[in-house]
C-alpha atoms as a PDB file:
ATOM      1  CA  MET A   1      47.581  16.343  84.087  1.00  0.00           C
ATOM      2  CA  LYS A   2      45.613  15.018  81.315  1.00  0.00           C
ATOM      3  CA  ASP A   3      47.796  14.604  78.993  1.00  0.00           C
ATOM      4  CA  ILE A   4      50.696  13.017  80.918  1.00  0.00           C
ATOM      5  CA  ALA A   5      47.812  10.146  82.149  1.00  0.00           C
ATOM      6  CA  ARG A   6      47.040   9.930  78.020  1.00  0.00           C
ATOM      7  CA  GLN A   7      50.836   9.129  77.668  1.00  0.00           C
ATOM      8  CA  SER A   8      50.915   6.608  80.165  1.00  0.00           C
ATOM      9  CA  MET A   9      48.879   4.498  78.681  1.00  0.00           C
ATOM     10  CA  SER A  10      49.556   1.045  77.122  1.00  0.00           C
ATOM     11  CA  ILE A  11      47.036   1.670  74.348  1.00  0.00           C
ATOM     12  CA  LYS A  12      47.409   4.652  71.359  1.00  0.00           C
ATOM     13  CA  VAL A  13      45.433   7.256  71.669  1.00  0.00           C
ATOM     14  CA  GLU A  14      44.506   6.747  68.620  1.00  0.00           C
ATOM     15  CA  SER A  15      43.305   3.369  68.910  1.00  0.00           C
ATOM     16  CA  MET A  16      41.354   4.198  72.084  1.00  0.00           C
ATOM     17  CA  ASP A  17      39.223   7.024  69.972  1.00  0.00           C
ATOM     18  CA  MET A  18      38.565   4.800  66.845  1.00  0.00           C
ATOM     19  CA  LEU A  19      37.570   1.789  69.855  1.00  0.00           C
ATOM     20  CA  ASN A  20      35.401   4.398  71.779  1.00  0.00           C
ATOM     21  CA  ALA A  21      33.482   4.807  68.271  1.00  0.00           C
ATOM     22  CA  GLN A  22      33.292   1.157  67.795  1.00  0.00           C
ATOM     23  CA  ILE A  23      31.563   0.583  71.346  1.00  0.00           C
ATOM     24  CA  LYS A  24      28.850   3.009  70.358  1.00  0.00           C
ATOM     25  CA  MET A  25      28.346   1.461  66.829  1.00  0.00           C
ATOM     26  CA  GLU A  26      28.031  -1.743  69.055  1.00  0.00           C
ATOM     27  CA  ALA A  27      25.469  -0.084  71.371  1.00  0.00           C
ATOM     28  CA  HIS A  28      23.702   0.919  68.175  1.00  0.00           C
ATOM     29  CA  ALA A  29      23.517  -2.001  67.221  1.00  0.00           C
ATOM     30  CA  SER A  30      22.247  -3.878  70.078  1.00  0.00           C
ATOM     31  CA  ALA A  31      19.329  -1.430  70.368  1.00  0.00           C
ATOM     32  CA  THR A  32      18.641  -1.735  66.682  1.00  0.00           C
ATOM     33  CA  TYR A  33      18.646  -5.373  67.165  1.00  0.00           C
ATOM     34  CA  LEU A  34      15.944  -4.818  69.933  1.00  0.00           C
ATOM     35  CA  ALA A  35      14.039  -2.636  67.465  1.00  0.00           C
ATOM     36  CA  MET A  36      13.693  -5.461  64.832  1.00  0.00           C
ATOM     37  CA  ALA A  37      12.897  -8.392  67.865  1.00  0.00           C
ATOM     38  CA  SER A  38      10.301  -5.838  68.626  1.00  0.00           C
ATOM     39  CA  TRP A  39       9.144  -5.328  64.760  1.00  0.00           C
ATOM     40  CA  CYS A  40       8.969  -9.025  64.155  1.00  0.00           C
ATOM     41  CA  GLU A  41       7.115 -10.086  67.696  1.00  0.00           C
ATOM     42  CA  GLN A  42       4.290  -7.631  66.290  1.00  0.00           C
ATOM     43  CA  ASN A  43       4.175  -9.101  62.813  1.00  0.00           C
ATOM     44  CA  GLY A  44       3.766 -12.763  63.928  1.00  0.00           C
ATOM     45  CA  PHE A  45       7.858 -13.441  63.204  1.00  0.00           C
ATOM     46  CA  PHE A  46       8.405 -15.075  66.487  1.00  0.00           C
ATOM     47  CA  THR A  47      11.760 -17.195  65.431  1.00  0.00           C
ATOM     48  CA  SER A  48      13.091 -14.094  64.360  1.00  0.00           C
ATOM     49  CA  ALA A  49      12.346 -12.172  66.869  1.00  0.00           C
ATOM     50  CA  LYS A  50      14.490 -14.600  69.328  1.00  0.00           C
ATOM     51  CA  PHE A  51      17.092 -14.272  66.529  1.00  0.00           C
ATOM     52  CA  PHE A  52      17.147 -10.621  66.796  1.00  0.00           C
ATOM     53  CA  PHE A  53      16.900 -10.808  70.852  1.00  0.00           C
ATOM     54  CA  LYS A  54      19.851 -13.130  70.932  1.00  0.00           C
ATOM     55  CA  GLN A  55      21.628 -10.811  68.681  1.00  0.00           C
ATOM     56  CA  THR A  56      21.027  -7.636  70.711  1.00  0.00           C
ATOM     57  CA  GLU A  57      22.755  -9.684  73.915  1.00  0.00           C
ATOM     58  CA  GLU A  58      25.810 -10.503  71.211  1.00  0.00           C
ATOM     59  CA  GLU A  59      26.303  -7.122  70.433  1.00  0.00           C
ATOM     60  CA  ARG A  60      26.006  -5.286  73.728  1.00  0.00           C
ATOM     61  CA  ALA A  61      28.346  -8.382  74.904  1.00  0.00           C
ATOM     62  CA  HIS A  62      31.113  -7.448  72.096  1.00  0.00           C
ATOM     63  CA  MET A  63      30.546  -3.272  73.084  1.00  0.00           C
ATOM     64  CA  MET A  64      31.621  -4.462  76.890  1.00  0.00           C
ATOM     65  CA  LYS A  65      34.556  -6.645  75.208  1.00  0.00           C
ATOM     66  CA  ILE A  66      35.885  -3.370  73.781  1.00  0.00           C
ATOM     67  CA  PHE A  67      34.689  -1.389  76.905  1.00  0.00           C
ATOM     68  CA  ASN A  68      36.446  -3.479  79.279  1.00  0.00           C
ATOM     69  CA  PHE A  69      39.760  -3.991  77.062  1.00  0.00           C
ATOM     70  CA  LEU A  70      40.358   0.091  77.060  1.00  0.00           C
ATOM     71  CA  VAL A  71      39.941   0.009  80.682  1.00  0.00           C
ATOM     72  CA  ASP A  72      42.572  -3.213  81.299  1.00  0.00           C
ATOM     73  CA  THR A  73      44.629  -0.985  78.455  1.00  0.00           C
ATOM     74  CA  GLY A  74      44.894   2.542  80.481  1.00  0.00           C
ATOM     75  CA  GLY A  75      42.353   4.205  78.110  1.00  0.00           C
ATOM     76  CA  SER A  76      38.841   6.000  78.707  1.00  0.00           C
ATOM     77  CA  PRO A  77      36.082   4.241  77.288  1.00  0.00           C
ATOM     78  CA  VAL A  78      32.996   5.848  77.439  1.00  0.00           C
ATOM     79  CA  SER A  79      29.803   4.801  77.541  1.00  0.00           C
ATOM     80  CA  PRO A  80      27.785   5.788  74.287  1.00  0.00           C
ATOM     81  CA  GLU A  81      24.393   7.634  73.818  1.00  0.00           C
ATOM     82  CA  VAL A  82      22.213   5.615  71.398  1.00  0.00           C
ATOM     83  CA  THR A  83      19.924   7.144  69.282  1.00  0.00           C
ATOM     84  CA  ASP A  84      18.269   7.528  66.082  1.00  0.00           C
ATOM     85  CA  ILE A  85      16.912   3.543  65.586  1.00  0.00           C
ATOM     86  CA  ASN A  86      14.734   2.799  63.100  1.00  0.00           C
ATOM     87  CA  HIS A  87      11.283   1.034  64.173  1.00  0.00           C
ATOM     88  CA  ASP A  88       9.631   0.675  61.229  1.00  0.00           C
ATOM     89  CA  TYR A  89      10.284  -1.882  58.577  1.00  0.00           C
ATOM     90  CA  SER A  90       8.049  -2.691  55.527  1.00  0.00           C
ATOM     91  CA  SER A  91       8.905  -6.595  55.572  1.00  0.00           C
ATOM     92  CA  ILE A  92      10.913  -9.261  56.617  1.00  0.00           C
ATOM     93  CA  VAL A  93      12.986  -8.989  54.169  1.00  0.00           C
ATOM     94  CA  ASP A  94      13.797  -5.587  54.838  1.00  0.00           C
ATOM     95  CA  VAL A  95      14.823  -6.338  58.369  1.00  0.00           C
ATOM     96  CA  PHE A  96      17.437  -8.436  57.435  1.00  0.00           C
ATOM     97  CA  GLU A  97      18.487  -6.577  54.250  1.00  0.00           C
ATOM     98  CA  SER A  98      19.235  -3.619  57.087  1.00  0.00           C
ATOM     99  CA  THR A  99      20.767  -6.335  59.456  1.00  0.00           C
ATOM    100  CA  LEU A 100      23.217  -6.876  56.403  1.00  0.00           C
ATOM    101  CA  GLU A 101      24.129  -3.099  55.736  1.00  0.00           C
ATOM    102  CA  HIS A 102      24.344  -2.602  59.446  1.00  0.00           C
ATOM    103  CA  GLU A 103      26.879  -5.605  59.289  1.00  0.00           C
ATOM    104  CA  VAL A 104      28.778  -4.852  56.375  1.00  0.00           C
ATOM    105  CA  ALA A 105      29.338  -1.278  57.863  1.00  0.00           C
ATOM    106  CA  VAL A 106      30.874  -2.963  61.324  1.00  0.00           C
ATOM    107  CA  THR A 107      33.022  -5.428  58.985  1.00  0.00           C
ATOM    108  CA  LYS A 108      34.349  -2.096  57.511  1.00  0.00           C
ATOM    109  CA  SER A 109      34.553  -0.099  60.683  1.00  0.00           C
ATOM    110  CA  ILE A 110      36.489  -3.228  62.551  1.00  0.00           C
ATOM    111  CA  HIS A 111      38.914  -3.268  59.525  1.00  0.00           C
ATOM    112  CA  ASN A 112      39.476   0.583  59.431  1.00  0.00           C
ATOM    113  CA  ILE A 113      40.380  -0.071  63.304  1.00  0.00           C
ATOM    114  CA  VAL A 114      42.979  -2.904  62.302  1.00  0.00           C
ATOM    115  CA  LYS A 115      44.690  -0.891  59.780  1.00  0.00           C
ATOM    116  CA  LYS A 116      45.361   2.350  61.948  1.00  0.00           C
ATOM    117  CA  ALA A 117      46.648  -0.156  65.143  1.00  0.00           C
ATOM    118  CA  ARG A 118      49.050  -1.730  62.263  1.00  0.00           C
ATOM    119  CA  GLU A 119      49.995   1.575  61.000  1.00  0.00           C
ATOM    120  CA  ILE A 120      51.170   3.124  64.585  1.00  0.00           C
ATOM    121  CA  GLY A 121      52.220   0.227  65.914  1.00  0.00           C
ATOM    122  CA  ASP A 122      49.865  -0.698  68.437  1.00  0.00           C
ATOM    123  CA  ILE A 123      50.059  -4.284  68.389  1.00  0.00           C
ATOM    124  CA  ALA A 124      47.844  -5.359  71.578  1.00  0.00           C
ATOM    125  CA  THR A 125      44.942  -3.511  69.562  1.00  0.00           C
ATOM    126  CA  GLU A 126      45.566  -5.252  66.462  1.00  0.00           C
ATOM    127  CA  ARG A 127      45.327  -8.400  68.330  1.00  0.00           C
ATOM    128  CA  PHE A 128      42.897  -7.801  70.577  1.00  0.00           C
ATOM    129  CA  LEU A 129      40.770  -7.240  67.298  1.00  0.00           C
ATOM    130  CA  ASP A 130      41.392 -10.358  65.874  1.00  0.00           C
ATOM    131  CA  TRP A 131      38.357 -11.836  67.268  1.00  0.00           C
ATOM    132  CA  PHE A 132      35.875  -8.994  66.168  1.00  0.00           C
ATOM    133  CA  VAL A 133      37.683 -10.021  62.497  1.00  0.00           C
ATOM    134  CA  MET A 134      36.756 -13.575  62.406  1.00  0.00           C
ATOM    135  CA  GLU A 135      33.047 -12.801  64.631  1.00  0.00           C
ATOM    136  CA  GLN A 136      32.258 -10.523  61.639  1.00  0.00           C
ATOM    137  CA  VAL A 137      32.950 -13.131  59.121  1.00  0.00           C
ATOM    138  CA  GLU A 138      30.321 -15.423  61.099  1.00  0.00           C
ATOM    139  CA  GLU A 139      27.897 -12.490  61.414  1.00  0.00           C
ATOM    140  CA  GLU A 140      27.901 -11.392  57.861  1.00  0.00           C
ATOM    141  CA  ASN A 141      27.785 -15.046  56.890  1.00  0.00           C
ATOM    142  CA  THR A 142      24.806 -16.182  58.864  1.00  0.00           C
ATOM    143  CA  ILE A 143      22.745 -12.937  57.710  1.00  0.00           C
ATOM    144  CA  ARG A 144      23.420 -13.487  53.887  1.00  0.00           C
ATOM    145  CA  ASP A 145      22.511 -17.209  54.412  1.00  0.00           C
ATOM    146  CA  ILE A 146      19.193 -16.300  56.277  1.00  0.00           C
ATOM    147  CA  LEU A 147      18.691 -13.762  52.734  1.00  0.00           C
ATOM    148  CA  ASP A 148      19.440 -16.575  50.437  1.00  0.00           C
ATOM    149  CA  MET A 149      17.188 -19.196  51.964  1.00  0.00           C
ATOM    150  CA  ILE A 150      14.247 -16.374  51.949  1.00  0.00           C
ATOM    151  CA  GLU A 151      15.059 -16.203  48.223  1.00  0.00           C
ATOM    152  CA  ILE A 152      14.620 -19.795  47.541  1.00  0.00           C
ATOM    153  CA  THR A 153      11.304 -19.793  49.802  1.00  0.00           C
ATOM    154  CA  GLY A 154      10.196 -16.734  48.680  1.00  0.00           C
ATOM    155  CA  THR A 155       7.811 -14.075  50.723  1.00  0.00           C
ATOM    156  CA  GLU A 156       3.988 -15.189  49.255  1.00  0.00           C
ATOM    157  CA  GLY A 157       1.384 -17.120  51.329  1.00  0.00           C
ATOM    158  CA  VAL A 158       3.257 -20.111  53.659  1.00  0.00           C
ATOM    159  CA  GLY A 159       6.909 -18.631  52.316  1.00  0.00           C
ATOM    160  CA  LEU A 160       6.529 -16.215  55.143  1.00  0.00           C
ATOM    161  CA  GLN A 161       5.687 -18.843  57.871  1.00  0.00           C
ATOM    162  CA  MET A 162       8.778 -21.591  56.724  1.00  0.00           C
ATOM    163  CA  ILE A 163      11.239 -18.042  56.419  1.00  0.00           C
ATOM    164  CA  ASP A 164      10.177 -18.060  60.661  1.00  0.00           C
ATOM    165  CA  ASN A 165      11.009 -21.359  60.670  1.00  0.00           C
ATOM    166  CA  GLN A 166      14.005 -21.879  59.263  1.00  0.00           C
ATOM    167  CA  VAL A 167      15.433 -18.733  61.299  1.00  0.00           C
ATOM    168  CA  ALA A 168      15.631 -21.195  64.323  1.00  0.00           C
ATOM    169  CA  LYS A 169      18.795 -22.902  62.844  1.00  0.00           C
ATOM    170  CA  TRP A 170      20.762 -19.704  63.403  1.00  0.00           C
ATOM    171  CA  ILE A 171      19.550 -19.048  66.841  1.00  0.00           C
ATOM    172  CA  ASP A 172      21.882 -21.671  68.970  1.00  0.00           C
END
């Protein structure tokens, strides 16, 4: 019975499976950014904490966007289990470098889904992911800008407070 139902979906099974993995990746990102927000709060980087609280909500929204797409295409979205969240960072630089590493991994994952959708002729999934492709360009650029600003400002003395104050321009 399940095989018959899967065959009647408008989304290809391969795309659905990859999108379910992406749902999990987005949920993990949301939880990771929440942990980063907590670290920032505990270490006096209050503006950076606000930035990561915002990122937490954005990643959850990305997860739900994919989840709802699977529902709309007759797929079976899976609510992910989220584990292995890091709560310990050595510095604000470590936090943002970890963020960039994660965003690059998300970009690669999205690109792989697009390539697979194109390969199997799943046009709806490929078009759906156009927004995510461009969103990842923005996400990576934002974090690279923050890391560049940190490099210029430095992390000694008042530089740390200047970093936190400057992150405010990326919150809205």
